[in-house]
Amino acid sequence: MKFNNFKPKLQPQSIKIDEFASNIEFFMNKFNEIILVVVNYNERFYSRRLFLEYEIEFPEGLIKAIDKRKAEFLAGRLAAKHALQAIGKQAVTINISDHRSPQWPEDIVGAITHNSNKAFCLMGSIGQAKYIGIDHEDILCNYQANQISKQVCHPSELDLLIAYGLEFHIAVSLIFSAKESIFKALYPFVKMYFGFKSAYLHSVNLCKHELIFCLEDKLFGKAEIKGKNKIKCFFEISSKTITTLIY
C-alpha cells in the first residue's frame, strides 16, 4: 500500500508470518513520530490456536462471536503488537475498554481499524501525538451512500467535495470515514458519544490529501484543542477503499 504522508519503515518494511497474516507492512510519518502497521490477512485461515501462537490474549467477549469477528480482532491486535514493538515498547495485552475501544498503555495513543482483509494500527507516544484516529472503509455504492448521506453529511460538505470532482458515493464514503476517525481520536478525551453532525467539513486540499473539519463548541472545549475548533484529517482513496487518518 501507499500513503501520501507516510514512508515505508526502513527495518523492517514488511514481514510474512503465515497463511493468515500473509504480509505485515510498516510505515512511518515523515517526522518518524507516528507508526502505521498494516496486516494483510485471510479470514479463511483463521484458527483459535493463532491467538496462542501470536501470544495475544483471547478476550471473553469474543467467545460467542463468529469467526469473521474473531479474525478481525486478531488481525487488529496483531497490528497493534507489531506497532508497539516497532517503537521500542513492550508488546503488552491491549484490552477492550468500557466503551469498546482499545485500552492502550498510559504513554501510548493509538487506534485500530479493519475491513475483511486488512487491519491497521496507527500509533505514537503521548509526547509526540495527542489525538490519533484511523478508519478504513470499502467505498459505498450509490444506493448505500443515498441511504446514509442525510445522517452523516451536511449538504455543504457534499457540495464542497463534489465541486472538487469527487463522485457523490465517494464523497459520502470519505466524509463517513473521516468522521469515524474523528470519533476514535477524540472520544478518549471527551468521554462522551457524539454524532456525525458534531463535526463539519470546512476545507479540502486534494494535493496534500487533507480535510479540515470544524468541531462543535462543546466538543472542542472538552477535547482541549488549544485556540481553535478545527481538526485535520488525512485521507487516501484507492479504487475500492478509503483510509482516513488523524495524528
C-alpha atoms as a PDB file:
ATOM      1  CA  MET A   1       0.000   0.000   0.000  1.00  0.00           C
ATOM      2  CA  LYS A   2       0.980   3.654  -0.404  1.00  0.00           C
ATOM      3  CA  PHE A   3       0.190   6.552   1.926  1.00  0.00           C
ATOM      4  CA  ASN A   4       0.870  10.120   0.884  1.00  0.00           C
ATOM      5  CA  ASN A   5       2.169  11.273   4.278  1.00  0.00           C
ATOM      6  CA  PHE A   6       3.948   8.059   5.277  1.00  0.00           C
ATOM      7  CA  LYS A   7       7.024   6.242   4.003  1.00  0.00           C
ATOM      8  CA  PRO A   8       7.953   2.562   4.365  1.00  0.00           C
ATOM      9  CA  LYS A   9       9.878   1.928   7.570  1.00  0.00           C
ATOM     10  CA  LEU A  10      13.460   1.003   6.740  1.00  0.00           C
ATOM     11  CA  GLN A  11      13.735  -2.005   9.067  1.00  0.00           C
ATOM     12  CA  PRO A  12      11.571  -3.931   8.570  1.00  0.00           C
ATOM     13  CA  GLN A  13       9.472  -2.758   5.627  1.00  0.00           C
ATOM     14  CA  SER A  14       7.337  -5.888   5.669  1.00  0.00           C
ATOM     15  CA  ILE A  15       7.279  -9.407   7.084  1.00  0.00           C
ATOM     16  CA  LYS A  16       5.299 -12.573   6.444  1.00  0.00           C
ATOM     17  CA  ILE A  17       4.122 -14.760   9.315  1.00  0.00           C
ATOM     18  CA  ASP A  18       1.846 -17.458   7.910  1.00  0.00           C
ATOM     19  CA  GLU A  19      -1.162 -18.029   5.667  1.00  0.00           C
ATOM     20  CA  PHE A  20      -3.437 -15.994   7.945  1.00  0.00           C
ATOM     21  CA  ALA A  21      -1.145 -12.957   8.183  1.00  0.00           C
ATOM     22  CA  SER A  22       0.315 -13.102   4.696  1.00  0.00           C
ATOM     23  CA  ASN A  23       2.053  -9.714   4.865  1.00  0.00           C
ATOM     24  CA  ILE A  24       2.645  -7.084   7.549  1.00  0.00           C
ATOM     25  CA  GLU A  25       3.735  -3.650   6.316  1.00  0.00           C
ATOM     26  CA  PHE A  26       5.378  -0.898   8.371  1.00  0.00           C
ATOM     27  CA  PHE A  27       5.217   2.842   7.626  1.00  0.00           C
ATOM     28  CA  MET A  28       6.455   5.948   9.456  1.00  0.00           C
ATOM     29  CA  ASN A  29       5.299   9.531   9.028  1.00  0.00           C
ATOM     30  CA  LYS A  30       7.845  11.983   7.645  1.00  0.00           C
ATOM     31  CA  PHE A  31       8.990  13.043  11.128  1.00  0.00           C
ATOM     32  CA  ASN A  32       9.388   9.415  12.301  1.00  0.00           C
ATOM     33  CA  GLU A  33       6.955  10.068  15.164  1.00  0.00           C
ATOM     34  CA  ILE A  34       3.919   8.006  14.179  1.00  0.00           C
ATOM     35  CA  ILE A  35       3.932   4.397  13.016  1.00  0.00           C
ATOM     36  CA  LEU A  36       1.333   2.754  10.817  1.00  0.00           C
ATOM     37  CA  VAL A  37       1.203  -1.048  10.660  1.00  0.00           C
ATOM     38  CA  VAL A  38      -0.945  -2.821   8.066  1.00  0.00           C
ATOM     39  CA  VAL A  39      -1.727  -6.530   8.426  1.00  0.00           C
ATOM     40  CA  ASN A  40      -2.942  -8.232   5.261  1.00  0.00           C
ATOM     41  CA  TYR A  41      -4.912 -11.225   6.499  1.00  0.00           C
ATOM     42  CA  ASN A  42      -7.075 -14.031   5.149  1.00  0.00           C
ATOM     43  CA  GLU A  43     -10.085 -14.981   7.248  1.00  0.00           C
ATOM     44  CA  ARG A  44     -10.188 -18.459   5.661  1.00  0.00           C
ATOM     45  CA  PHE A  45      -7.027 -19.394   7.560  1.00  0.00           C
ATOM     46  CA  TYR A  46      -8.247 -18.173  10.946  1.00  0.00           C
ATOM     47  CA  SER A  47      -7.946 -20.604  13.850  1.00  0.00           C
ATOM     48  CA  ARG A  48      -8.317 -20.082  17.603  1.00  0.00           C
ATOM     49  CA  ARG A  49      -4.814 -21.526  18.070  1.00  0.00           C
ATOM     50  CA  LEU A  50      -3.375 -18.427  16.349  1.00  0.00           C
ATOM     51  CA  PHE A  51      -4.066 -16.394  19.493  1.00  0.00           C
ATOM     52  CA  LEU A  52      -1.652 -18.690  21.330  1.00  0.00           C
ATOM     53  CA  GLU A  53       0.900 -18.674  18.526  1.00  0.00           C
ATOM     54  CA  TYR A  54       0.886 -14.869  18.300  1.00  0.00           C
ATOM     55  CA  GLU A  55       0.835 -14.569  22.123  1.00  0.00           C
ATOM     56  CA  ILE A  56      -2.320 -12.452  22.011  1.00  0.00           C
ATOM     57  CA  GLU A  57      -4.897 -12.865  24.757  1.00  0.00           C
ATOM     58  CA  PHE A  58      -8.304 -14.133  23.622  1.00  0.00           C
ATOM     59  CA  PRO A  59     -10.989 -11.917  25.236  1.00  0.00           C
ATOM     60  CA  GLU A  60     -14.013 -13.500  26.890  1.00  0.00           C
ATOM     61  CA  GLY A  61     -16.282 -11.154  24.966  1.00  0.00           C
ATOM     62  CA  LEU A  62     -15.417 -12.958  21.734  1.00  0.00           C
ATOM     63  CA  ILE A  63     -16.313 -16.471  22.884  1.00  0.00           C
ATOM     64  CA  LYS A  64     -19.709 -16.411  21.140  1.00  0.00           C
ATOM     65  CA  ALA A  65     -18.580 -14.284  18.193  1.00  0.00           C
ATOM     66  CA  ILE A  66     -18.453 -15.660  14.663  1.00  0.00           C
ATOM     67  CA  ASP A  67     -15.050 -16.475  13.165  1.00  0.00           C
ATOM     68  CA  LYS A  68     -15.149 -13.369  10.958  1.00  0.00           C
ATOM     69  CA  ARG A  69     -15.241 -11.122  14.036  1.00  0.00           C
ATOM     70  CA  LYS A  70     -12.535 -13.175  15.771  1.00  0.00           C
ATOM     71  CA  ALA A  71     -10.294 -12.932  12.702  1.00  0.00           C
ATOM     72  CA  GLU A  72     -10.781  -9.141  12.513  1.00  0.00           C
ATOM     73  CA  PHE A  73      -9.960  -8.751  16.186  1.00  0.00           C
ATOM     74  CA  LEU A  74      -6.882 -10.965  15.942  1.00  0.00           C
ATOM     75  CA  ALA A  75      -5.540  -9.103  12.904  1.00  0.00           C
ATOM     76  CA  GLY A  76      -6.079  -5.742  14.610  1.00  0.00           C
ATOM     77  CA  ARG A  77      -4.328  -6.813  17.806  1.00  0.00           C
ATOM     78  CA  LEU A  78      -1.504  -8.330  15.752  1.00  0.00           C
ATOM     79  CA  ALA A  79      -1.048  -4.946  14.060  1.00  0.00           C
ATOM     80  CA  ALA A  80      -1.010  -3.261  17.487  1.00  0.00           C
ATOM     81  CA  LYS A  81       1.538  -5.747  18.843  1.00  0.00           C
ATOM     82  CA  HIS A  82       3.928  -5.089  15.964  1.00  0.00           C
ATOM     83  CA  ALA A  83       3.384  -1.330  16.234  1.00  0.00           C
ATOM     84  CA  LEU A  84       4.370  -1.393  19.916  1.00  0.00           C
ATOM     85  CA  GLN A  85       7.473  -3.423  19.169  1.00  0.00           C
ATOM     86  CA  ALA A  86       8.419  -1.155  16.264  1.00  0.00           C
ATOM     87  CA  ILE A  87       8.524   1.919  18.518  1.00  0.00           C
ATOM     88  CA  GLY A  88      10.514   0.079  21.167  1.00  0.00           C
ATOM     89  CA  LYS A  89       7.693  -0.711  23.579  1.00  0.00           C
ATOM     90  CA  GLN A  90       6.845  -3.980  25.267  1.00  0.00           C
ATOM     91  CA  ALA A  91       4.091  -5.882  23.441  1.00  0.00           C
ATOM     92  CA  VAL A  92       1.546  -5.841  26.268  1.00  0.00           C
ATOM     93  CA  THR A  93      -2.050  -7.054  26.067  1.00  0.00           C
ATOM     94  CA  ILE A  94      -4.357  -4.418  24.576  1.00  0.00           C
ATOM     95  CA  ASN A  95      -7.608  -4.954  26.456  1.00  0.00           C
ATOM     96  CA  ILE A  96     -11.065  -3.786  25.405  1.00  0.00           C
ATOM     97  CA  SER A  97     -12.146  -0.688  27.342  1.00  0.00           C
ATOM     98  CA  ASP A  98     -15.631   0.009  28.685  1.00  0.00           C
ATOM     99  CA  HIS A  99     -16.520   1.910  25.506  1.00  0.00           C
ATOM    100  CA  ARG A 100     -15.287  -0.985  23.293  1.00  0.00           C
ATOM    101  CA  SER A 101     -12.141   0.753  22.066  1.00  0.00           C
ATOM    102  CA  PRO A 102      -8.567  -0.498  22.649  1.00  0.00           C
ATOM    103  CA  GLN A 103      -7.143   0.230  26.102  1.00  0.00           C
ATOM    104  CA  TRP A 104      -3.632   1.480  25.396  1.00  0.00           C
ATOM    105  CA  PRO A 105      -0.680   1.724  27.805  1.00  0.00           C
ATOM    106  CA  GLU A 106      -0.595   5.082  29.614  1.00  0.00           C
ATOM    107  CA  ASP A 107       2.207   6.525  27.474  1.00  0.00           C
ATOM    108  CA  ILE A 108       0.714   5.408  24.139  1.00  0.00           C
ATOM    109  CA  VAL A 109      -2.050   6.779  21.939  1.00  0.00           C
ATOM    110  CA  GLY A 110      -3.372   4.709  19.071  1.00  0.00           C
ATOM    111  CA  ALA A 111      -6.290   3.433  17.029  1.00  0.00           C
ATOM    112  CA  ILE A 112      -7.202   0.262  15.127  1.00  0.00           C
ATOM    113  CA  THR A 113      -9.416  -0.293  12.100  1.00  0.00           C
ATOM    114  CA  HIS A 114     -10.049  -3.141   9.681  1.00  0.00           C
ATOM    115  CA  ASN A 115     -12.096  -4.438   6.805  1.00  0.00           C
ATOM    116  CA  SER A 116     -12.449  -8.001   5.528  1.00  0.00           C
ATOM    117  CA  ASN A 117      -8.780  -8.452   4.565  1.00  0.00           C
ATOM    118  CA  LYS A 118      -6.701  -5.658   6.119  1.00  0.00           C
ATOM    119  CA  ALA A 119      -6.179  -4.436   9.668  1.00  0.00           C
ATOM    120  CA  PHE A 120      -4.456  -1.149  10.527  1.00  0.00           C
ATOM    121  CA  CYS A 121      -2.904   0.218  13.693  1.00  0.00           C
ATOM    122  CA  LEU A 122      -1.834   3.864  13.897  1.00  0.00           C
ATOM    123  CA  MET A 123       0.239   4.613  16.995  1.00  0.00           C
ATOM    124  CA  GLY A 124       2.522   7.115  18.681  1.00  0.00           C
ATOM    125  CA  SER A 125       3.811   8.134  22.093  1.00  0.00           C
ATOM    126  CA  ILE A 126       1.789  10.625  24.137  1.00  0.00           C
ATOM    127  CA  GLY A 127       4.551  13.223  23.830  1.00  0.00           C
ATOM    128  CA  GLN A 128       4.504  13.003  20.034  1.00  0.00           C
ATOM    129  CA  ALA A 129       0.767  12.890  19.328  1.00  0.00           C
ATOM    130  CA  LYS A 130      -2.262  13.718  21.437  1.00  0.00           C
ATOM    131  CA  TYR A 131      -5.013  12.554  19.109  1.00  0.00           C
ATOM    132  CA  ILE A 132      -4.858   9.505  16.871  1.00  0.00           C
ATOM    133  CA  GLY A 133      -7.683   8.089  14.808  1.00  0.00           C
ATOM    134  CA  ILE A 134      -7.854   5.822  11.782  1.00  0.00           C
ATOM    135  CA  ASP A 135     -10.637   4.325   9.699  1.00  0.00           C
ATOM    136  CA  HIS A 136     -10.590   2.074   6.635  1.00  0.00           C
ATOM    137  CA  GLU A 137     -13.786   1.581   4.650  1.00  0.00           C
ATOM    138  CA  ASP A 138     -14.933  -0.054   1.455  1.00  0.00           C
ATOM    139  CA  ILE A 139     -16.301   2.663  -0.822  1.00  0.00           C
ATOM    140  CA  LEU A 140     -20.089   2.753  -0.665  1.00  0.00           C
ATOM    141  CA  CYS A 141     -22.208   2.128  -3.725  1.00  0.00           C
ATOM    142  CA  ASN A 142     -24.658   4.852  -4.775  1.00  0.00           C
ATOM    143  CA  TYR A 143     -27.579   3.124  -3.054  1.00  0.00           C
ATOM    144  CA  GLN A 144     -25.712   2.830   0.265  1.00  0.00           C
ATOM    145  CA  ALA A 145     -24.493   6.420   0.003  1.00  0.00           C
ATOM    146  CA  ASN A 146     -28.027   7.676  -0.553  1.00  0.00           C
ATOM    147  CA  GLN A 147     -29.248   5.698   2.457  1.00  0.00           C
ATOM    148  CA  ILE A 148     -26.831   7.308   4.933  1.00  0.00           C
ATOM    149  CA  SER A 149     -25.958  10.695   3.428  1.00  0.00           C
ATOM    150  CA  LYS A 150     -28.542  12.728   5.369  1.00  0.00           C
ATOM    151  CA  GLN A 151     -27.492  11.138   8.656  1.00  0.00           C
ATOM    152  CA  VAL A 152     -23.761  11.596   8.074  1.00  0.00           C
ATOM    153  CA  CYS A 153     -23.280  14.719   5.954  1.00  0.00           C
ATOM    154  CA  HIS A 154     -24.150  18.384   5.971  1.00  0.00           C
ATOM    155  CA  PRO A 155     -25.292  19.357   2.433  1.00  0.00           C
ATOM    156  CA  SER A 156     -22.456  21.890   2.219  1.00  0.00           C
ATOM    157  CA  GLU A 157     -19.895  19.123   2.818  1.00  0.00           C
ATOM    158  CA  LEU A 158     -21.089  17.171  -0.189  1.00  0.00           C
ATOM    159  CA  ASP A 159     -21.224  20.316  -2.313  1.00  0.00           C
ATOM    160  CA  LEU A 160     -17.612  21.075  -1.408  1.00  0.00           C
ATOM    161  CA  LEU A 161     -16.256  17.622  -2.283  1.00  0.00           C
ATOM    162  CA  ILE A 162     -18.322  17.300  -5.453  1.00  0.00           C
ATOM    163  CA  ALA A 163     -17.015  20.713  -6.544  1.00  0.00           C
ATOM    164  CA  TYR A 164     -13.524  19.191  -6.304  1.00  0.00           C
ATOM    165  CA  GLY A 165     -14.562  16.432  -8.703  1.00  0.00           C
ATOM    166  CA  LEU A 166     -15.460  13.589  -6.339  1.00  0.00           C
ATOM    167  CA  GLU A 167     -18.458  11.469  -7.246  1.00  0.00           C
ATOM    168  CA  PHE A 168     -21.376  11.513  -4.809  1.00  0.00           C
ATOM    169  CA  HIS A 169     -20.836   7.994  -3.413  1.00  0.00           C
ATOM    170  CA  ILE A 170     -17.112   8.615  -2.916  1.00  0.00           C
ATOM    171  CA  ALA A 171     -17.794  11.956  -1.211  1.00  0.00           C
ATOM    172  CA  VAL A 172     -20.217  10.320   1.239  1.00  0.00           C
ATOM    173  CA  SER A 173     -17.763   7.468   1.873  1.00  0.00           C
ATOM    174  CA  LEU A 174     -14.948   9.926   2.569  1.00  0.00           C
ATOM    175  CA  ILE A 175     -16.983  12.055   4.982  1.00  0.00           C
ATOM    176  CA  PHE A 176     -18.260   8.948   6.784  1.00  0.00           C
ATOM    177  CA  SER A 177     -14.738   7.550   7.196  1.00  0.00           C
ATOM    178  CA  ALA A 178     -13.253  10.886   8.284  1.00  0.00           C
ATOM    179  CA  LYS A 179     -15.900  11.333  10.978  1.00  0.00           C
ATOM    180  CA  GLU A 180     -15.281   7.790  12.206  1.00  0.00           C
ATOM    181  CA  SER A 181     -11.599   8.721  12.586  1.00  0.00           C
ATOM    182  CA  ILE A 182     -12.554  11.926  14.404  1.00  0.00           C
ATOM    183  CA  PHE A 183     -14.653   9.928  16.853  1.00  0.00           C
ATOM    184  CA  LYS A 184     -11.831   7.468  17.546  1.00  0.00           C
ATOM    185  CA  ALA A 185      -9.358  10.315  18.033  1.00  0.00           C
ATOM    186  CA  LEU A 186     -11.479  12.453  20.361  1.00  0.00           C
ATOM    187  CA  TYR A 187     -13.630  10.043  22.363  1.00  0.00           C
ATOM    188  CA  PRO A 188     -10.847   9.047  24.812  1.00  0.00           C
ATOM    189  CA  PHE A 189     -10.604  12.729  25.790  1.00  0.00           C
ATOM    190  CA  VAL A 190     -14.195  13.979  25.682  1.00  0.00           C
ATOM    191  CA  LYS A 191     -15.638  10.785  27.253  1.00  0.00           C
ATOM    192  CA  MET A 192     -18.983  11.244  25.553  1.00  0.00           C
ATOM    193  CA  TYR A 193     -20.657   9.953  22.440  1.00  0.00           C
ATOM    194  CA  PHE A 194     -21.225  12.483  19.676  1.00  0.00           C
ATOM    195  CA  GLY A 195     -22.886  12.261  16.299  1.00  0.00           C
ATOM    196  CA  PHE A 196     -21.752  12.775  12.732  1.00  0.00           C
ATOM    197  CA  LYS A 197     -23.067  16.337  12.688  1.00  0.00           C
ATOM    198  CA  SER A 198     -20.779  17.372  15.579  1.00  0.00           C
ATOM    199  CA  ALA A 199     -18.041  17.972  13.014  1.00  0.00           C
ATOM    200  CA  TYR A 200     -18.417  19.510   9.581  1.00  0.00           C
ATOM    201  CA  LEU A 201     -16.048  19.808   6.656  1.00  0.00           C
ATOM    202  CA  HIS A 202     -14.502  23.269   6.417  1.00  0.00           C
ATOM    203  CA  SER A 203     -11.891  22.957   3.657  1.00  0.00           C
ATOM    204  CA  VAL A 204     -10.151  20.490   1.350  1.00  0.00           C
ATOM    205  CA  ASN A 205      -6.620  20.204  -0.031  1.00  0.00           C
ATOM    206  CA  LEU A 206      -6.571  17.386  -2.566  1.00  0.00           C
ATOM    207  CA  CYS A 207      -2.861  17.841  -3.331  1.00  0.00           C
ATOM    208  CA  LYS A 208      -1.925  17.265   0.317  1.00  0.00           C
ATOM    209  CA  HIS A 209      -4.698  14.701   0.879  1.00  0.00           C
ATOM    210  CA  GLU A 210      -6.064  16.835   3.726  1.00  0.00           C
ATOM    211  CA  LEU A 211      -9.508  17.618   5.089  1.00  0.00           C
ATOM    212  CA  ILE A 212     -10.089  20.284   7.747  1.00  0.00           C
ATOM    213  CA  PHE A 213     -13.154  19.839   9.970  1.00  0.00           C
ATOM    214  CA  CYS A 214     -14.724  22.331  12.371  1.00  0.00           C
ATOM    215  CA  LEU A 215     -15.963  20.963  15.691  1.00  0.00           C
ATOM    216  CA  GLU A 216     -18.965  21.943  17.788  1.00  0.00           C
ATOM    217  CA  ASP A 217     -18.080  24.240  20.688  1.00  0.00           C
ATOM    218  CA  LYS A 218     -18.936  21.642  23.341  1.00  0.00           C
ATOM    219  CA  LEU A 219     -16.731  19.105  21.579  1.00  0.00           C
ATOM    220  CA  PHE A 220     -13.535  21.070  21.041  1.00  0.00           C
ATOM    221  CA  GLY A 221     -13.847  22.572  24.521  1.00  0.00           C
ATOM    222  CA  LYS A 222     -13.801  19.153  26.150  1.00  0.00           C
ATOM    223  CA  ALA A 223     -11.093  17.903  23.800  1.00  0.00           C
ATOM    224  CA  GLU A 224      -8.863  20.816  24.878  1.00  0.00           C
ATOM    225  CA  ILE A 225      -7.798  21.699  21.352  1.00  0.00           C
ATOM    226  CA  LYS A 226      -5.935  24.881  22.145  1.00  0.00           C
ATOM    227  CA  GLY A 227      -7.051  28.079  20.481  1.00  0.00           C
ATOM    228  CA  LYS A 228      -9.019  26.528  17.637  1.00  0.00           C
ATOM    229  CA  ASN A 229     -12.040  24.432  16.857  1.00  0.00           C
ATOM    230  CA  LYS A 230     -10.557  22.632  13.846  1.00  0.00           C
ATOM    231  CA  ILE A 231      -9.026  19.206  13.341  1.00  0.00           C
ATOM    232  CA  LYS A 232      -7.040  17.921  10.353  1.00  0.00           C
ATOM    233  CA  CYS A 233      -7.728  14.570   8.727  1.00  0.00           C
ATOM    234  CA  PHE A 234      -5.530  12.937   6.083  1.00  0.00           C
ATOM    235  CA  PHE A 235      -7.004  10.565   3.528  1.00  0.00           C
ATOM    236  CA  GLU A 236      -6.121   8.028   0.857  1.00  0.00           C
ATOM    237  CA  ILE A 237      -8.567   6.879  -1.829  1.00  0.00           C
ATOM    238  CA  SER A 238      -7.973   3.723  -3.857  1.00  0.00           C
ATOM    239  CA  SER A 239     -10.227   2.114  -6.446  1.00  0.00           C
ATOM    240  CA  LYS A 240     -12.241   0.252  -3.791  1.00  0.00           C
ATOM    241  CA  THR A 241     -11.376   1.656  -0.356  1.00  0.00           C
ATOM    242  CA  ILE A 242     -10.859   4.845   1.630  1.00  0.00           C
ATOM    243  CA  THR A 243      -8.487   5.282   4.562  1.00  0.00           C
ATOM    244  CA  THR A 244      -8.584   8.334   6.836  1.00  0.00           C
ATOM    245  CA  LEU A 245      -6.024   9.211   9.499  1.00  0.00           C
ATOM    246  CA  ILE A 246      -5.765  11.784  12.290  1.00  0.00           C
ATOM    247  CA  TYR A 247      -2.497  12.386  14.139  1.00  0.00           C
END
